[in-house]
C-alpha atoms as a PDB file:
ATOM      1  CA  UNK A   1      -0.010  -0.064   0.008  1.00  0.00           C
ATOM      2  CA  UNK A   2       2.877   2.391   0.914  1.00  0.00           C
ATOM      3  CA  UNK A   3       5.342   3.081  -1.855  1.00  0.00           C
ATOM      4  CA  UNK A   4       7.519   5.762  -0.300  1.00  0.00           C
ATOM      5  CA  UNK A   5       8.748   6.248   3.334  1.00  0.00           C
ATOM      6  CA  UNK A   6      10.329   9.491   4.647  1.00  0.00           C
ATOM      7  CA  UNK A   7      12.102   9.052   7.909  1.00  0.00           C
ATOM      8  CA  UNK A   8      13.562  11.804  10.002  1.00  0.00           C
ATOM      9  CA  UNK A   9      17.119  11.146  11.387  1.00  0.00           C
ATOM     10  CA  UNK A  10      17.708  12.594  14.926  1.00  0.00           C
ATOM     11  CA  UNK A  11      15.663  11.009  17.709  1.00  0.00           C
ATOM     12  CA  UNK A  12      13.805   8.966  14.993  1.00  0.00           C
ATOM     13  CA  UNK A  13      16.054   6.713  12.892  1.00  0.00           C
ATOM     14  CA  UNK A  14      19.038   6.953  15.008  1.00  0.00           C
ATOM     15  CA  UNK A  15      18.937   6.202  18.778  1.00  0.00           C
ATOM     16  CA  UNK A  16      20.433   8.234  21.645  1.00  0.00           C
ATOM     17  CA  UNK A  17      23.774   6.818  20.848  1.00  0.00           C
ATOM     18  CA  UNK A  18      23.462   8.384  17.375  1.00  0.00           C
ATOM     19  CA  UNK A  19      23.241   4.865  15.725  1.00  0.00           C
ATOM     20  CA  UNK A  20      20.999   3.100  13.313  1.00  0.00           C
ATOM     21  CA  UNK A  21      20.811  -0.362  15.078  1.00  0.00           C
ATOM     22  CA  UNK A  22      21.193  -3.531  13.177  1.00  0.00           C
ATOM     23  CA  UNK A  23      17.522  -4.537  13.624  1.00  0.00           C
ATOM     24  CA  UNK A  24      16.353  -0.983  12.036  1.00  0.00           C
ATOM     25  CA  UNK A  25      19.002  -1.490   9.368  1.00  0.00           C
ATOM     26  CA  UNK A  26      17.455  -4.876   8.393  1.00  0.00           C
ATOM     27  CA  UNK A  27      13.975  -3.386   8.247  1.00  0.00           C
ATOM     28  CA  UNK A  28      15.167  -0.599   5.923  1.00  0.00           C
ATOM     29  CA  UNK A  29      16.708  -3.180   3.493  1.00  0.00           C
ATOM     30  CA  UNK A  30      13.514  -5.315   3.729  1.00  0.00           C
ATOM     31  CA  UNK A  31      11.349  -2.406   2.960  1.00  0.00           C
ATOM     32  CA  UNK A  32      13.674  -1.638  -0.092  1.00  0.00           C
ATOM     33  CA  UNK A  33      13.661  -5.177  -1.225  1.00  0.00           C
ATOM     34  CA  UNK A  34       9.782  -5.047  -1.082  1.00  0.00           C
ATOM     35  CA  UNK A  35       9.929  -2.340  -3.689  1.00  0.00           C
ATOM     36  CA  UNK A  36       9.427   0.666  -1.268  1.00  0.00           C
ATOM     37  CA  UNK A  37      11.385   3.789  -1.798  1.00  0.00           C
ATOM     38  CA  UNK A  38      13.026   4.607   1.547  1.00  0.00           C
ATOM     39  CA  UNK A  39      14.361   8.198   2.043  1.00  0.00           C
ATOM     40  CA  UNK A  40      15.483  10.537   4.827  1.00  0.00           C
ATOM     41  CA  UNK A  41      13.943  13.688   5.805  1.00  0.00           C
ATOM     42  CA  UNK A  42      16.103  15.976   8.041  1.00  0.00           C
ATOM     43  CA  UNK A  43      16.964  19.405   9.153  1.00  0.00           C
ATOM     44  CA  UNK A  44      20.572  18.583   8.957  1.00  0.00           C
ATOM     45  CA  UNK A  45      22.631  19.794   5.947  1.00  0.00           C
ATOM     46  CA  UNK A  46      23.187  17.489   3.115  1.00  0.00           C
ATOM     47  CA  UNK A  47      26.834  16.841   4.049  1.00  0.00           C
ATOM     48  CA  UNK A  48      25.815  15.617   7.359  1.00  0.00           C
ATOM     49  CA  UNK A  49      22.634  13.629   6.317  1.00  0.00           C
ATOM     50  CA  UNK A  50      24.334  11.927   3.342  1.00  0.00           C
ATOM     51  CA  UNK A  51      26.806  10.223   5.558  1.00  0.00           C
ATOM     52  CA  UNK A  52      24.042   8.497   7.547  1.00  0.00           C
ATOM     53  CA  UNK A  53      22.186   7.667   4.286  1.00  0.00           C
ATOM     54  CA  UNK A  54      25.173   5.984   2.702  1.00  0.00           C
ATOM     55  CA  UNK A  55      25.902   4.216   5.955  1.00  0.00           C
ATOM     56  CA  UNK A  56      22.225   2.764   5.673  1.00  0.00           C
ATOM     57  CA  UNK A  57      22.807   1.839   2.093  1.00  0.00           C
ATOM     58  CA  UNK A  58      20.056   4.073   0.486  1.00  0.00           C
ATOM     59  CA  UNK A  59      20.813   5.404  -3.056  1.00  0.00           C
ATOM     60  CA  UNK A  60      17.750   7.696  -3.579  1.00  0.00           C
ATOM     61  CA  UNK A  61      17.154  11.532  -3.160  1.00  0.00           C
ATOM     62  CA  UNK A  62      17.200  12.724   0.376  1.00  0.00           C
ATOM     63  CA  UNK A  63      15.281  15.858   1.956  1.00  0.00           C
ATOM     64  CA  UNK A  64      17.690  17.949   3.839  1.00  0.00           C
ATOM     65  CA  UNK A  65      17.544  21.628   5.470  1.00  0.00           C
ATOM     66  CA  UNK A  66      13.922  20.851   6.588  1.00  0.00           C
ATOM     67  CA  UNK A  67      12.903  20.387   2.922  1.00  0.00           C
ATOM     68  CA  UNK A  68      14.738  23.346   1.414  1.00  0.00           C
ATOM     69  CA  UNK A  69      17.102  20.997  -0.451  1.00  0.00           C
ATOM     70  CA  UNK A  70      16.327  17.647  -2.234  1.00  0.00           C
ATOM     71  CA  UNK A  71      19.336  16.048  -3.648  1.00  0.00           C
ATOM     72  CA  UNK A  72      20.292  12.648  -5.169  1.00  0.00           C
ATOM     73  CA  UNK A  73      22.822  10.469  -3.297  1.00  0.00           C
ATOM     74  CA  UNK A  74      24.279   8.822  -6.270  1.00  0.00           C
ATOM     75  CA  UNK A  75      25.231  11.675  -8.525  1.00  0.00           C
ATOM     76  CA  UNK A  76      24.434  14.475  -6.071  1.00  0.00           C
ATOM     77  CA  UNK A  77      22.144  16.055  -8.550  1.00  0.00           C
ATOM     78  CA  UNK A  78      19.905  18.893  -6.997  1.00  0.00           C
ATOM     79  CA  UNK A  79      16.134  18.081  -7.573  1.00  0.00           C
ATOM     80  CA  UNK A  80      14.631  20.783  -5.636  1.00  0.00           C
ATOM     81  CA  UNK A  81      15.975  23.813  -3.735  1.00  0.00           C
ATOM     82  CA  UNK A  82      14.577  26.994  -2.153  1.00  0.00           C
ATOM     83  CA  UNK A  83      16.762  29.664  -0.558  1.00  0.00           C
ATOM     84  CA  UNK A  84      15.811  32.078   2.167  1.00  0.00           C
ATOM     85  CA  UNK A  85      14.771  35.170   0.388  1.00  0.00           C
ATOM     86  CA  UNK A  86      17.453  37.781   0.289  1.00  0.00           C
ATOM     87  CA  UNK A  87      15.388  40.421   1.979  1.00  0.00           C
ATOM     88  CA  UNK A  88      14.529  38.146   4.814  1.00  0.00           C
ATOM     89  CA  UNK A  89      18.387  37.057   5.212  1.00  0.00           C
ATOM     90  CA  UNK A  90      19.298  40.826   5.700  1.00  0.00           C
ATOM     91  CA  UNK A  91      16.485  41.515   8.223  1.00  0.00           C
ATOM     92  CA  UNK A  92      17.288  38.500  10.210  1.00  0.00           C
ATOM     93  CA  UNK A  93      20.967  39.260  10.289  1.00  0.00           C
ATOM     94  CA  UNK A  94      20.350  42.836  11.360  1.00  0.00           C
ATOM     95  CA  UNK A  95      17.893  41.828  14.137  1.00  0.00           C
ATOM     96  CA  UNK A  96      20.247  39.293  15.636  1.00  0.00           C
ATOM     97  CA  UNK A  97      23.245  41.615  15.683  1.00  0.00           C
ATOM     98  CA  UNK A  98      21.025  44.334  17.285  1.00  0.00           C
ATOM     99  CA  UNK A  99      19.741  41.842  19.810  1.00  0.00           C
ATOM    100  CA  UNK A 100      22.922  39.918  20.334  1.00  0.00           C
ATOM    101  CA  UNK A 101      21.533  36.701  19.335  1.00  0.00           C
ATOM    102  CA  UNK A 102      23.399  33.530  18.117  1.00  0.00           C
ATOM    103  CA  UNK A 103      22.694  33.005  14.365  1.00  0.00           C
ATOM    104  CA  UNK A 104      24.129  30.535  12.099  1.00  0.00           C
ATOM    105  CA  UNK A 105      23.713  30.033   8.408  1.00  0.00           C
ATOM    106  CA  UNK A 106      24.610  27.458   5.817  1.00  0.00           C
ATOM    107  CA  UNK A 107      26.321  28.452   2.523  1.00  0.00           C
ATOM    108  CA  UNK A 108      27.370  25.921  -0.025  1.00  0.00           C
ATOM    109  CA  UNK A 109      26.709  23.099   2.772  1.00  0.00           C
ATOM    110  CA  UNK A 110      29.143  24.857   5.033  1.00  0.00           C
ATOM    111  CA  UNK A 111      28.015  26.210   8.389  1.00  0.00           C
ATOM    112  CA  UNK A 112      28.925  29.887   9.383  1.00  0.00           C
ATOM    113  CA  UNK A 113      28.509  32.015  12.493  1.00  0.00           C
ATOM    114  CA  UNK A 114      29.850  35.449  13.242  1.00  0.00           C
ATOM    115  CA  UNK A 115      31.255  34.525  16.568  1.00  0.00           C
ATOM    116  CA  UNK A 116      32.814  31.364  18.099  1.00  0.00           C
ATOM    117  CA  UNK A 117      31.105  30.238  21.304  1.00  0.00           C
ATOM    118  CA  UNK A 118      29.764  27.356  23.116  1.00  0.00           C
ATOM    119  CA  UNK A 119      26.476  27.303  21.381  1.00  0.00           C
ATOM    120  CA  UNK A 120      28.101  26.589  17.965  1.00  0.00           C
ATOM    121  CA  UNK A 121      30.560  24.069  19.594  1.00  0.00           C
ATOM    122  CA  UNK A 122      27.791  22.205  21.232  1.00  0.00           C
ATOM    123  CA  UNK A 123      25.662  22.364  17.900  1.00  0.00           C
ATOM    124  CA  UNK A 124      28.364  20.914  15.772  1.00  0.00           C
ATOM    125  CA  UNK A 125      29.313  18.344  18.373  1.00  0.00           C
ATOM    126  CA  UNK A 126      25.885  16.934  17.953  1.00  0.00           C
ATOM    127  CA  UNK A 127      26.040  16.367  14.135  1.00  0.00           C
ATOM    128  CA  UNK A 128      29.931  16.329  13.676  1.00  0.00           C
ATOM    129  CA  UNK A 129      29.872  19.416  11.328  1.00  0.00           C
ATOM    130  CA  UNK A 130      32.796  21.647  10.754  1.00  0.00           C
ATOM    131  CA  UNK A 131      32.105  25.326  11.072  1.00  0.00           C
ATOM    132  CA  UNK A 132      33.507  28.703   9.887  1.00  0.00           C
ATOM    133  CA  UNK A 133      33.617  32.058  11.704  1.00  0.00           C
ATOM    134  CA  UNK A 134      33.007  35.250   9.703  1.00  0.00           C
ATOM    135  CA  UNK A 135      32.907  38.378  11.932  1.00  0.00           C
ATOM    136  CA  UNK A 136      31.915  40.652   8.897  1.00  0.00           C
ATOM    137  CA  UNK A 137      28.482  39.261   8.777  1.00  0.00           C
ATOM    138  CA  UNK A 138      27.696  41.571   5.788  1.00  0.00           C
ATOM    139  CA  UNK A 139      29.917  39.279   3.593  1.00  0.00           C
ATOM    140  CA  UNK A 140      27.442  36.404   4.417  1.00  0.00           C
ATOM    141  CA  UNK A 141      24.174  38.202   3.754  1.00  0.00           C
ATOM    142  CA  UNK A 142      24.431  38.252  -0.237  1.00  0.00           C
ATOM    143  CA  UNK A 143      25.156  34.492  -0.333  1.00  0.00           C
ATOM    144  CA  UNK A 144      22.403  31.962  -0.938  1.00  0.00           C
ATOM    145  CA  UNK A 145      21.417  30.050   2.226  1.00  0.00           C
ATOM    146  CA  UNK A 146      18.799  27.129   2.563  1.00  0.00           C
ATOM    147  CA  UNK A 147      18.569  27.503   6.298  1.00  0.00           C
ATOM    148  CA  UNK A 148      19.288  29.816   9.221  1.00  0.00           C
ATOM    149  CA  UNK A 149      19.303  28.946  12.752  1.00  0.00           C
ATOM    150  CA  UNK A 150      19.057  30.696  16.192  1.00  0.00           C
ATOM    151  CA  UNK A 151      20.166  28.844  19.204  1.00  0.00           C
ATOM    152  CA  UNK A 152      18.873  30.189  22.606  1.00  0.00           C
ATOM    153  CA  UNK A 153      16.689  29.152  25.588  1.00  0.00           C
ATOM    154  CA  UNK A 154      13.479  27.225  24.476  1.00  0.00           C
ATOM    155  CA  UNK A 155      11.055  29.628  26.209  1.00  0.00           C
ATOM    156  CA  UNK A 156      12.618  32.649  24.810  1.00  0.00           C
ATOM    157  CA  UNK A 157      12.624  31.157  21.267  1.00  0.00           C
ATOM    158  CA  UNK A 158       8.803  30.570  21.747  1.00  0.00           C
ATOM    159  CA  UNK A 159       8.437  34.364  22.402  1.00  0.00           C
ATOM    160  CA  UNK A 160      10.787  35.186  19.384  1.00  0.00           C
ATOM    161  CA  UNK A 161       9.179  33.156  16.828  1.00  0.00           C
ATOM    162  CA  UNK A 162       5.922  35.207  16.326  1.00  0.00           C
ATOM    163  CA  UNK A 163       8.108  38.411  16.373  1.00  0.00           C
ATOM    164  CA  UNK A 164      10.256  37.023  13.566  1.00  0.00           C
ATOM    165  CA  UNK A 165       7.121  35.875  11.641  1.00  0.00           C
ATOM    166  CA  UNK A 166       5.907  39.500  11.697  1.00  0.00           C
ATOM    167  CA  UNK A 167       9.334  40.770  10.832  1.00  0.00           C
ATOM    168  CA  UNK A 168      10.076  38.645   7.915  1.00  0.00           C
ATOM    169  CA  UNK A 169       6.556  37.965   6.714  1.00  0.00           C
ATOM    170  CA  UNK A 170       5.059  35.109   4.734  1.00  0.00           C
ATOM    171  CA  UNK A 171       8.313  34.484   2.690  1.00  0.00           C
ATOM    172  CA  UNK A 172       9.888  32.266   5.278  1.00  0.00           C
ATOM    173  CA  UNK A 173       8.998  29.094   7.106  1.00  0.00           C
ATOM    174  CA  UNK A 174      10.004  29.237  10.792  1.00  0.00           C
ATOM    175  CA  UNK A 175      10.129  25.881  12.854  1.00  0.00           C
ATOM    176  CA  UNK A 176      11.841  24.154  15.740  1.00  0.00           C
ATOM    177  CA  UNK A 177      13.980  20.973  15.285  1.00  0.00           C
ATOM    178  CA  UNK A 178      14.837  20.794  18.934  1.00  0.00           C
ATOM    179  CA  UNK A 179      13.405  23.094  21.785  1.00  0.00           C
ATOM    180  CA  UNK A 180      16.546  25.102  21.596  1.00  0.00           C
ATOM    181  CA  UNK A 181      16.862  25.379  17.831  1.00  0.00           C
ATOM    182  CA  UNK A 182      14.808  27.954  15.854  1.00  0.00           C
ATOM    183  CA  UNK A 183      15.145  27.381  12.110  1.00  0.00           C
ATOM    184  CA  UNK A 184      14.300  29.714   9.217  1.00  0.00           C
ATOM    185  CA  UNK A 185      13.886  28.628   5.701  1.00  0.00           C
ATOM    186  CA  UNK A 186      12.049  29.620   2.474  1.00  0.00           C
ATOM    187  CA  UNK A 187       8.215  29.292   2.825  1.00  0.00           C
ATOM    188  CA  UNK A 188       8.501  26.315   0.622  1.00  0.00           C
ATOM    189  CA  UNK A 189      11.228  24.724   2.396  1.00  0.00           C
ATOM    190  CA  UNK A 190       9.171  22.269   4.622  1.00  0.00           C
ATOM    191  CA  UNK A 191       9.444  18.511   4.838  1.00  0.00           C
ATOM    192  CA  UNK A 192       5.692  18.419   3.822  1.00  0.00           C
ATOM    193  CA  UNK A 193       6.257  20.132   0.423  1.00  0.00           C
ATOM    194  CA  UNK A 194       9.436  18.193  -0.254  1.00  0.00           C
ATOM    195  CA  UNK A 195       7.602  14.877   0.551  1.00  0.00           C
ATOM    196  CA  UNK A 196       4.804  15.972  -1.951  1.00  0.00           C
ATOM    197  CA  UNK A 197       7.816  16.904  -4.539  1.00  0.00           C
ATOM    198  CA  UNK A 198       9.421  13.400  -4.064  1.00  0.00           C
ATOM    199  CA  UNK A 199       6.055  11.465  -4.445  1.00  0.00           C
ATOM    200  CA  UNK A 200       5.547  13.230  -7.739  1.00  0.00           C
ATOM    201  CA  UNK A 201       9.053  12.432  -8.734  1.00  0.00           C
ATOM    202  CA  UNK A 202       8.525   8.717  -8.043  1.00  0.00           C
ATOM    203  CA  UNK A 203       5.033   8.732  -9.623  1.00  0.00           C
ATOM    204  CA  UNK A 204       3.126   7.858  -6.448  1.00  0.00           C
ATOM    205  CA  UNK A 205       0.278   9.392  -4.689  1.00  0.00           C
ATOM    206  CA  UNK A 206       0.634  11.121  -1.316  1.00  0.00           C
ATOM    207  CA  UNK A 207      -1.888   8.700   0.051  1.00  0.00           C
ATOM    208  CA  UNK A 208       0.900   6.092  -0.779  1.00  0.00           C
ATOM    209  CA  UNK A 209       3.368   7.744   1.367  1.00  0.00           C
ATOM    210  CA  UNK A 210       4.458   7.285   5.070  1.00  0.00           C
ATOM    211  CA  UNK A 211       6.434   9.634   7.232  1.00  0.00           C
ATOM    212  CA  UNK A 212       7.983   9.174  10.597  1.00  0.00           C
ATOM    213  CA  UNK A 213       9.255  11.835  13.084  1.00  0.00           C
ATOM    214  CA  UNK A 214       9.605  13.109  16.577  1.00  0.00           C
ATOM    215  CA  UNK A 215       9.573  16.872  16.575  1.00  0.00           C
ATOM    216  CA  UNK A 216       7.467  19.860  15.491  1.00  0.00           C
ATOM    217  CA  UNK A 217       9.610  20.398  12.243  1.00  0.00           C
ATOM    218  CA  UNK A 218       8.131  17.007  11.156  1.00  0.00           C
ATOM    219  CA  UNK A 219       4.435  18.049  11.429  1.00  0.00           C
ATOM    220  CA  UNK A 220       3.982  19.213   7.742  1.00  0.00           C
ATOM    221  CA  UNK A 221       5.366  15.834   6.609  1.00  0.00           C
ATOM    222  CA  UNK A 222       3.174  13.729   8.794  1.00  0.00           C
ATOM    223  CA  UNK A 223       0.023  15.880   7.945  1.00  0.00           C
ATOM    224  CA  UNK A 224       0.944  15.516   4.082  1.00  0.00           C
ATOM    225  CA  UNK A 225       1.641  11.575   4.205  1.00  0.00           C
ATOM    226  CA  UNK A 226      -0.918   8.953   3.788  1.00  0.00           C
ATOM    227  CA  UNK A 227       0.309   7.658   7.028  1.00  0.00           C
ATOM    228  CA  UNK A 228       1.918   9.854   9.653  1.00  0.00           C
ATOM    229  CA  UNK A 229       3.827   8.037  12.340  1.00  0.00           C
ATOM    230  CA  UNK A 230       5.092   9.762  15.539  1.00  0.00           C
ATOM    231  CA  UNK A 231       7.832   8.165  17.715  1.00  0.00           C
ATOM    232  CA  UNK A 232       6.988   7.236  21.218  1.00  0.00           C
ATOM    233  CA  UNK A 233       9.434   9.908  22.351  1.00  0.00           C
ATOM    234  CA  UNK A 234       7.948  12.565  19.991  1.00  0.00           C
ATOM    235  CA  UNK A 235       6.677  15.911  21.389  1.00  0.00           C
ATOM    236  CA  UNK A 236       3.044  15.588  22.565  1.00  0.00           C
ATOM    237  CA  UNK A 237       1.761  17.996  19.893  1.00  0.00           C
ATOM    238  CA  UNK A 238       3.205  15.672  17.187  1.00  0.00           C
ATOM    239  CA  UNK A 239       1.604  12.640  18.609  1.00  0.00           C
ATOM    240  CA  UNK A 240      -1.824  14.486  18.572  1.00  0.00           C
ATOM    241  CA  UNK A 241      -1.746  14.732  14.804  1.00  0.00           C
ATOM    242  CA  UNK A 242      -0.141  11.436  14.085  1.00  0.00           C
ATOM    243  CA  UNK A 243      -2.095   8.478  12.574  1.00  0.00           C
ATOM    244  CA  UNK A 244       0.019   6.037  14.614  1.00  0.00           C
ATOM    245  CA  UNK A 245       2.437   6.229  17.474  1.00  0.00           C
ATOM    246  CA  UNK A 246       5.159   3.719  17.273  1.00  0.00           C
ATOM    247  CA  UNK A 247       7.982   2.759  19.749  1.00  0.00           C
ATOM    248  CA  UNK A 248      10.667   5.107  20.714  1.00  0.00           C
ATOM    249  CA  UNK A 249      13.997   5.726  18.843  1.00  0.00           C
ATOM    250  CA  UNK A 250      15.615   3.548  21.478  1.00  0.00           C
ATOM    251  CA  UNK A 251      13.299   0.632  20.894  1.00  0.00           C
ATOM    252  CA  UNK A 252      13.642   0.303  17.117  1.00  0.00           C
ATOM    253  CA  UNK A 253      10.385   2.366  16.565  1.00  0.00           C
ATOM    254  CA  UNK A 254      11.163   2.709  12.944  1.00  0.00           C
ATOM    255  CA  UNK A 255      11.584  -1.025  12.506  1.00  0.00           C
ATOM    256  CA  UNK A 256       8.277  -1.582  14.315  1.00  0.00           C
ATOM    257  CA  UNK A 257       6.444   0.784  11.987  1.00  0.00           C
ATOM    258  CA  UNK A 258       7.918  -0.952   8.913  1.00  0.00           C
ATOM    259  CA  UNK A 259       7.139  -4.324  10.235  1.00  0.00           C
ATOM    260  CA  UNK A 260       3.653  -3.237  10.913  1.00  0.00           C
ATOM    261  CA  UNK A 261       2.541  -1.253   7.894  1.00  0.00           C
ATOM    262  CA  UNK A 262       5.089  -2.408   5.046  1.00  0.00           C
ATOM    263  CA  UNK A 263       6.092  -5.978   5.982  1.00  0.00           C
ATOM    264  CA  UNK A 264       2.907  -7.043   7.716  1.00  0.00           C
ATOM    265  CA  UNK A 265       4.969  -8.861  10.419  1.00  0.00           C
ATOM    266  CA  UNK A 266       3.067  -7.111  13.375  1.00  0.00           C
ATOM    267  CA  UNK A 267      -0.798  -7.035  13.812  1.00  0.00           C
END
């Protein structure tokens, strides 16, 4: 019934030790063998996501930067890309400099910030990404970026998000991948729109797609998919909109969902 599965990486596909377990790996391979297209859908940069995709043996286009970039693994051909509009980039940099907020931006799949601090160190420790410091932030503004990211206290970011939505307008999509990460993309840079693009690319209907995730940045994808699956460790708001809640990322929840809905191993 399901021809395309899109799976989030952090806290979904990988466990808290940042590993794809052998059991989950086997389930992915069995789904592919059954003729299902299995892809990843992540907020991570392509450079970071493709390492995990290749490790799991996938050879399809993957969704990165929350949906702002869909790129082939085999030949690295870009199939879909949306950059943060230039006007929004300038406004966001200006606002963050004036309010002394930590802002990161991705350019050519490289991560930049204007100051070296603990926030960027902790962030890059999470996904093993090298980073670059450019104190003259105006050099960064004109360059194309698929995603910008503010790191701060979760409650502060909840207050900041509506302020930025008003400042930047409808040209951007603002979401959270983790409580302390506020991410800004083009308004068509969502996992839901990217999933729809890939469904068209592979010639299947959205009703024939399945999506799995744990955080609020997954909600567009779960809502767009024929079957939206939330992890047991997902935030409550995502569980509420999901069609099914599987086991946690530490209990092979991705495997359980594949066994149940693709391989019919679980009732």
